[in-house]
Amino acid sequence: MLPASFGLAEVGDEEHYIPMETAVVQVMDKAAGRTRTLNIPVGSTVRFDKIEITVRKCFGVNEFLPEDFYMLADVRKNDSRIFSGWMTRSEPGQNPLQDPDNDLWLVRCE
């Protein structure tokens, strides 16, 4: 099921969203000012410094809708969950990772 918070839970809308295999995300270490692009396969976990990012789902939209991408992810830091939920490329501030050390945003799904 897609997130209602992004207006994706309408009955019959499932055909508009295309499951994809990889999430491309950018992560920033705020203290070092370092940004890195990560390709994370759906179902996999990748470590960046002190955080672990697990991508559960990644969707694109069909060609009849404006391009956008949606990712369901969990982020852990020092064995504590600091984020769990959906992110969208078009509105990264709607459900952001809120962490004093790192920023994370979805670039696209492939």
N, C-alpha and C. Protein backbone atom coordinates (compact mmCIF):
# COMPACT_ATOMS: atom_id res chain seq x y z
N MET A 1 0.84 -1.18 0.00
CA MET A 1 0.00 0.00 0.00
C MET A 1 0.88 1.25 0.00
N LEU A 2 0.49 2.24 -0.72
CA LEU A 2 1.24 3.48 -0.82
C LEU A 2 0.77 4.46 0.23
N PRO A 3 1.60 5.44 0.58
CA PRO A 3 1.30 6.33 1.70
C PRO A 3 0.16 7.30 1.43
N ALA A 4 -0.81 7.33 2.33
CA ALA A 4 -1.93 8.26 2.21
C ALA A 4 -1.45 9.70 2.36
N SER A 5 -0.39 9.92 3.12
CA SER A 5 0.11 11.28 3.35
C SER A 5 0.58 11.96 2.06
N PHE A 6 0.89 11.17 1.03
CA PHE A 6 1.30 11.73 -0.25
C PHE A 6 0.17 11.66 -1.27
N GLY A 7 -1.04 11.32 -0.80
CA GLY A 7 -2.18 11.23 -1.70
C GLY A 7 -2.12 10.02 -2.60
N LEU A 8 -1.49 8.94 -2.14
CA LEU A 8 -1.29 7.77 -2.99
C LEU A 8 -2.18 6.60 -2.63
N ALA A 9 -3.06 6.76 -1.67
CA ALA A 9 -3.84 5.62 -1.20
C ALA A 9 -5.22 5.54 -1.84
N GLU A 10 -5.46 6.29 -2.90
CA GLU A 10 -6.75 6.25 -3.57
C GLU A 10 -6.99 4.86 -4.16
N VAL A 11 -8.18 4.36 -4.00
CA VAL A 11 -8.54 3.05 -4.55
C VAL A 11 -8.40 3.09 -6.07
N GLY A 12 -7.75 2.10 -6.62
CA GLY A 12 -7.57 2.02 -8.06
C GLY A 12 -6.35 2.76 -8.59
N ASP A 13 -5.63 3.48 -7.74
CA ASP A 13 -4.47 4.24 -8.19
C ASP A 13 -3.20 3.40 -8.30
N GLU A 14 -3.25 2.15 -7.85
CA GLU A 14 -2.04 1.34 -7.83
C GLU A 14 -1.39 1.22 -9.21
N GLU A 15 -2.20 1.26 -10.29
CA GLU A 15 -1.62 1.11 -11.63
C GLU A 15 -0.78 2.31 -12.04
N HIS A 16 -0.86 3.41 -11.32
CA HIS A 16 -0.07 4.60 -11.64
C HIS A 16 1.36 4.52 -11.09
N TYR A 17 1.61 3.60 -10.16
CA TYR A 17 2.90 3.52 -9.48
C TYR A 17 3.61 2.24 -9.87
N ILE A 18 4.88 2.39 -10.22
CA ILE A 18 5.67 1.30 -10.75
C ILE A 18 6.74 0.91 -9.73
N PRO A 19 6.70 -0.33 -9.22
CA PRO A 19 7.76 -0.77 -8.30
C PRO A 19 9.10 -0.78 -9.01
N MET A 20 10.13 -0.30 -8.32
CA MET A 20 11.46 -0.24 -8.90
C MET A 20 12.43 -0.97 -7.97
N GLU A 21 13.62 -1.28 -8.48
CA GLU A 21 14.55 -2.16 -7.77
C GLU A 21 15.58 -1.46 -6.90
N THR A 22 15.87 -0.19 -7.18
CA THR A 22 16.97 0.50 -6.48
C THR A 22 16.56 1.93 -6.14
N ALA A 23 16.90 2.34 -4.93
CA ALA A 23 16.73 3.74 -4.52
C ALA A 23 18.08 4.44 -4.62
N VAL A 24 18.09 5.59 -5.26
CA VAL A 24 19.29 6.42 -5.31
C VAL A 24 19.05 7.56 -4.33
N VAL A 25 19.88 7.61 -3.28
CA VAL A 25 19.71 8.62 -2.23
C VAL A 25 20.99 9.42 -2.07
N GLN A 26 20.85 10.62 -1.54
CA GLN A 26 22.02 11.40 -1.16
C GLN A 26 22.01 11.53 0.36
N VAL A 27 23.19 11.38 0.92
CA VAL A 27 23.36 11.49 2.37
C VAL A 27 24.42 12.56 2.61
N MET A 28 24.18 13.41 3.60
CA MET A 28 25.16 14.44 3.94
C MET A 28 25.57 14.29 5.39
N ASP A 29 26.87 14.25 5.60
CA ASP A 29 27.45 14.35 6.94
C ASP A 29 27.58 15.84 7.21
N LYS A 30 26.73 16.37 8.10
CA LYS A 30 26.69 17.81 8.32
C LYS A 30 27.99 18.35 8.92
N ALA A 31 28.61 17.61 9.82
CA ALA A 31 29.83 18.09 10.48
C ALA A 31 30.99 18.20 9.49
N ALA A 32 31.13 17.20 8.62
CA ALA A 32 32.23 17.19 7.67
C ALA A 32 31.89 17.96 6.39
N GLY A 33 30.60 18.24 6.18
CA GLY A 33 30.19 18.90 4.95
C GLY A 33 30.36 18.00 3.74
N ARG A 34 30.28 16.71 3.97
CA ARG A 34 30.52 15.72 2.92
C ARG A 34 29.19 15.12 2.47
N THR A 35 28.97 15.06 1.15
CA THR A 35 27.77 14.46 0.58
C THR A 35 28.16 13.27 -0.27
N ARG A 36 27.33 12.22 -0.20
CA ARG A 36 27.61 11.02 -0.98
C ARG A 36 26.32 10.48 -1.57
N THR A 37 26.38 10.01 -2.80
CA THR A 37 25.24 9.38 -3.45
C THR A 37 25.37 7.87 -3.29
N LEU A 38 24.27 7.25 -2.82
CA LEU A 38 24.25 5.81 -2.58
C LEU A 38 23.17 5.16 -3.44
N ASN A 39 23.48 4.03 -4.03
CA ASN A 39 22.50 3.20 -4.75
C ASN A 39 22.17 2.02 -3.83
N ILE A 40 20.92 1.95 -3.36
CA ILE A 40 20.54 0.94 -2.38
C ILE A 40 19.45 0.06 -2.98
N PRO A 41 19.74 -1.22 -3.23
CA PRO A 41 18.71 -2.12 -3.74
C PRO A 41 17.57 -2.29 -2.71
N VAL A 42 16.35 -2.39 -3.21
CA VAL A 42 15.20 -2.62 -2.33
C VAL A 42 15.45 -3.91 -1.55
N GLY A 43 15.21 -3.86 -0.24
CA GLY A 43 15.43 -5.01 0.63
C GLY A 43 16.82 -5.05 1.23
N SER A 44 17.67 -4.09 0.87
CA SER A 44 19.06 -4.07 1.35
C SER A 44 19.29 -2.94 2.36
N THR A 45 20.39 -3.10 3.10
CA THR A 45 20.82 -2.09 4.07
C THR A 45 22.22 -1.64 3.70
N VAL A 46 22.44 -0.31 3.72
CA VAL A 46 23.75 0.26 3.43
C VAL A 46 24.14 1.15 4.60
N ARG A 47 25.42 1.11 4.94
CA ARG A 47 25.95 1.94 6.04
C ARG A 47 26.66 3.17 5.47
N PHE A 48 26.41 4.32 6.08
CA PHE A 48 27.12 5.56 5.78
C PHE A 48 27.53 6.16 7.12
N ASP A 49 28.81 6.15 7.40
CA ASP A 49 29.32 6.60 8.70
C ASP A 49 28.56 5.90 9.83
N LYS A 50 27.81 6.66 10.63
CA LYS A 50 27.13 6.08 11.80
C LYS A 50 25.71 5.63 11.54
N ILE A 51 25.19 5.84 10.31
CA ILE A 51 23.81 5.46 10.06
C ILE A 51 23.71 4.26 9.11
N GLU A 52 22.64 3.49 9.28
CA GLU A 52 22.32 2.38 8.39
C GLU A 52 20.97 2.67 7.75
N ILE A 53 20.91 2.59 6.43
CA ILE A 53 19.70 2.89 5.66
C ILE A 53 19.20 1.60 5.05
N THR A 54 17.95 1.24 5.35
CA THR A 54 17.30 0.07 4.77
C THR A 54 16.16 0.55 3.90
N VAL A 55 16.20 0.18 2.63
CA VAL A 55 15.13 0.54 1.70
C VAL A 55 14.15 -0.63 1.63
N ARG A 56 12.88 -0.35 1.97
CA ARG A 56 11.83 -1.37 1.95
C ARG A 56 11.11 -1.41 0.60
N LYS A 57 10.82 -0.24 0.04
CA LYS A 57 10.11 -0.14 -1.24
C LYS A 57 10.57 1.12 -1.96
N CYS A 58 10.45 1.10 -3.28
CA CYS A 58 10.75 2.28 -4.08
C CYS A 58 9.82 2.25 -5.30
N PHE A 59 9.14 3.36 -5.55
CA PHE A 59 8.18 3.45 -6.64
C PHE A 59 8.47 4.65 -7.52
N GLY A 60 8.23 4.49 -8.81
CA GLY A 60 8.16 5.60 -9.75
C GLY A 60 6.71 5.72 -10.18
N VAL A 61 6.43 6.67 -11.04
CA VAL A 61 5.06 6.84 -11.55
C VAL A 61 5.05 6.55 -13.05
N ASN A 62 3.86 6.24 -13.56
CA ASN A 62 3.79 5.95 -15.00
C ASN A 62 3.99 7.22 -15.82
N GLU A 63 4.13 7.05 -17.13
CA GLU A 63 4.49 8.17 -18.00
C GLU A 63 3.39 9.21 -18.16
N PHE A 64 2.19 8.94 -17.66
CA PHE A 64 1.09 9.89 -17.78
C PHE A 64 1.01 10.86 -16.60
N LEU A 65 1.87 10.70 -15.62
CA LEU A 65 1.90 11.57 -14.44
C LEU A 65 3.22 12.34 -14.42
N PRO A 66 3.26 13.49 -13.73
CA PRO A 66 4.54 14.20 -13.58
C PRO A 66 5.55 13.29 -12.87
N GLU A 67 6.79 13.31 -13.33
CA GLU A 67 7.81 12.43 -12.76
C GLU A 67 7.96 12.65 -11.26
N ASP A 68 7.94 11.56 -10.52
CA ASP A 68 8.18 11.59 -9.08
C ASP A 68 8.57 10.20 -8.62
N PHE A 69 9.16 10.13 -7.43
CA PHE A 69 9.60 8.86 -6.86
C PHE A 69 9.26 8.84 -5.38
N TYR A 70 9.01 7.62 -4.85
CA TYR A 70 8.62 7.42 -3.46
C TYR A 70 9.42 6.26 -2.89
N MET A 71 9.93 6.43 -1.66
CA MET A 71 10.73 5.40 -1.03
C MET A 71 10.23 5.16 0.39
N LEU A 72 10.10 3.89 0.76
CA LEU A 72 9.81 3.50 2.13
C LEU A 72 11.13 3.01 2.72
N ALA A 73 11.57 3.65 3.80
CA ALA A 73 12.89 3.33 4.35
C ALA A 73 12.90 3.39 5.87
N ASP A 74 13.87 2.69 6.43
CA ASP A 74 14.19 2.76 7.86
C ASP A 74 15.63 3.22 7.98
N VAL A 75 15.89 4.10 8.94
CA VAL A 75 17.26 4.57 9.18
C VAL A 75 17.57 4.37 10.65
N ARG A 76 18.71 3.75 10.91
CA ARG A 76 19.14 3.49 12.29
C ARG A 76 20.49 4.17 12.53
N LYS A 77 20.68 4.58 13.77
CA LYS A 77 21.94 5.18 14.19
C LYS A 77 22.23 4.66 15.58
N ASN A 78 23.40 4.05 15.74
CA ASN A 78 23.78 3.47 17.04
C ASN A 78 22.70 2.54 17.58
N ASP A 79 22.18 1.68 16.71
CA ASP A 79 21.15 0.69 17.06
C ASP A 79 19.80 1.29 17.46
N SER A 80 19.58 2.56 17.20
CA SER A 80 18.28 3.18 17.47
C SER A 80 17.67 3.66 16.15
N ARG A 81 16.38 3.44 15.99
CA ARG A 81 15.70 3.91 14.78
C ARG A 81 15.52 5.41 14.87
N ILE A 82 16.01 6.13 13.85
CA ILE A 82 15.85 7.59 13.83
C ILE A 82 14.89 8.05 12.74
N PHE A 83 14.50 7.10 11.84
CA PHE A 83 13.52 7.42 10.82
C PHE A 83 12.89 6.12 10.34
N SER A 84 11.59 6.16 10.12
CA SER A 84 10.88 5.05 9.51
C SER A 84 9.67 5.62 8.80
N GLY A 85 9.63 5.51 7.48
CA GLY A 85 8.49 6.03 6.75
C GLY A 85 8.80 6.27 5.29
N TRP A 86 7.89 7.01 4.66
CA TRP A 86 7.98 7.32 3.24
C TRP A 86 8.69 8.65 3.01
N MET A 87 9.46 8.70 1.95
CA MET A 87 10.05 9.95 1.44
C MET A 87 9.66 10.08 -0.02
N THR A 88 9.51 11.30 -0.47
CA THR A 88 9.22 11.57 -1.88
C THR A 88 10.25 12.54 -2.42
N ARG A 89 10.58 12.39 -3.69
CA ARG A 89 11.56 13.29 -4.28
C ARG A 89 11.00 14.70 -4.43
N SER A 90 9.73 14.81 -4.82
CA SER A 90 9.18 16.13 -5.13
C SER A 90 8.95 17.00 -3.89
N GLU A 91 8.79 16.39 -2.72
CA GLU A 91 8.57 17.15 -1.49
C GLU A 91 9.44 16.59 -0.36
N PRO A 92 10.75 16.79 -0.45
CA PRO A 92 11.65 16.18 0.55
C PRO A 92 11.41 16.70 1.96
N GLY A 93 10.86 17.88 2.13
CA GLY A 93 10.60 18.41 3.46
C GLY A 93 9.33 17.91 4.10
N GLN A 94 8.51 17.16 3.36
CA GLN A 94 7.25 16.69 3.91
C GLN A 94 7.46 15.61 4.98
N ASN A 95 8.45 14.76 4.80
CA ASN A 95 8.72 13.70 5.77
C ASN A 95 10.23 13.46 5.82
N PRO A 96 10.99 14.43 6.33
CA PRO A 96 12.45 14.33 6.25
C PRO A 96 13.06 13.51 7.39
N LEU A 97 14.28 13.07 7.17
CA LEU A 97 15.09 12.54 8.25
C LEU A 97 15.51 13.73 9.10
N GLN A 98 15.18 13.71 10.38
CA GLN A 98 15.55 14.80 11.27
C GLN A 98 16.61 14.30 12.24
N ASP A 99 17.85 14.57 11.88
CA ASP A 99 18.99 14.11 12.67
C ASP A 99 20.02 15.23 12.71
N PRO A 100 20.62 15.49 13.87
CA PRO A 100 21.58 16.58 13.95
C PRO A 100 22.87 16.34 13.17
N ASP A 101 23.17 15.07 12.85
CA ASP A 101 24.44 14.75 12.19
C ASP A 101 24.33 14.51 10.69
N ASN A 102 23.14 14.10 10.21
CA ASN A 102 23.01 13.69 8.81
C ASN A 102 21.72 14.18 8.18
N ASP A 103 21.77 14.46 6.88
CA ASP A 103 20.59 14.69 6.07
C ASP A 103 20.52 13.54 5.06
N LEU A 104 19.29 13.18 4.67
CA LEU A 104 19.08 12.11 3.71
C LEU A 104 17.92 12.52 2.82
N TRP A 105 18.08 12.37 1.50
CA TRP A 105 16.97 12.65 0.61
C TRP A 105 17.00 11.71 -0.58
N LEU A 106 15.81 11.46 -1.12
CA LEU A 106 15.65 10.58 -2.27
C LEU A 106 15.92 11.36 -3.56
N VAL A 107 16.76 10.78 -4.42
CA VAL A 107 17.06 11.38 -5.71
C VAL A 107 16.14 10.78 -6.78
N ARG A 108 16.07 9.45 -6.81
CA ARG A 108 15.21 8.74 -7.77
C ARG A 108 15.17 7.26 -7.42
N CYS A 109 14.29 6.56 -8.10
CA CYS A 109 14.24 5.09 -8.05
C CYS A 109 14.58 4.59 -9.45
N GLU A 110 15.26 3.47 -9.50
CA GLU A 110 15.65 2.90 -10.80
C GLU A 110 15.19 1.46 -10.88
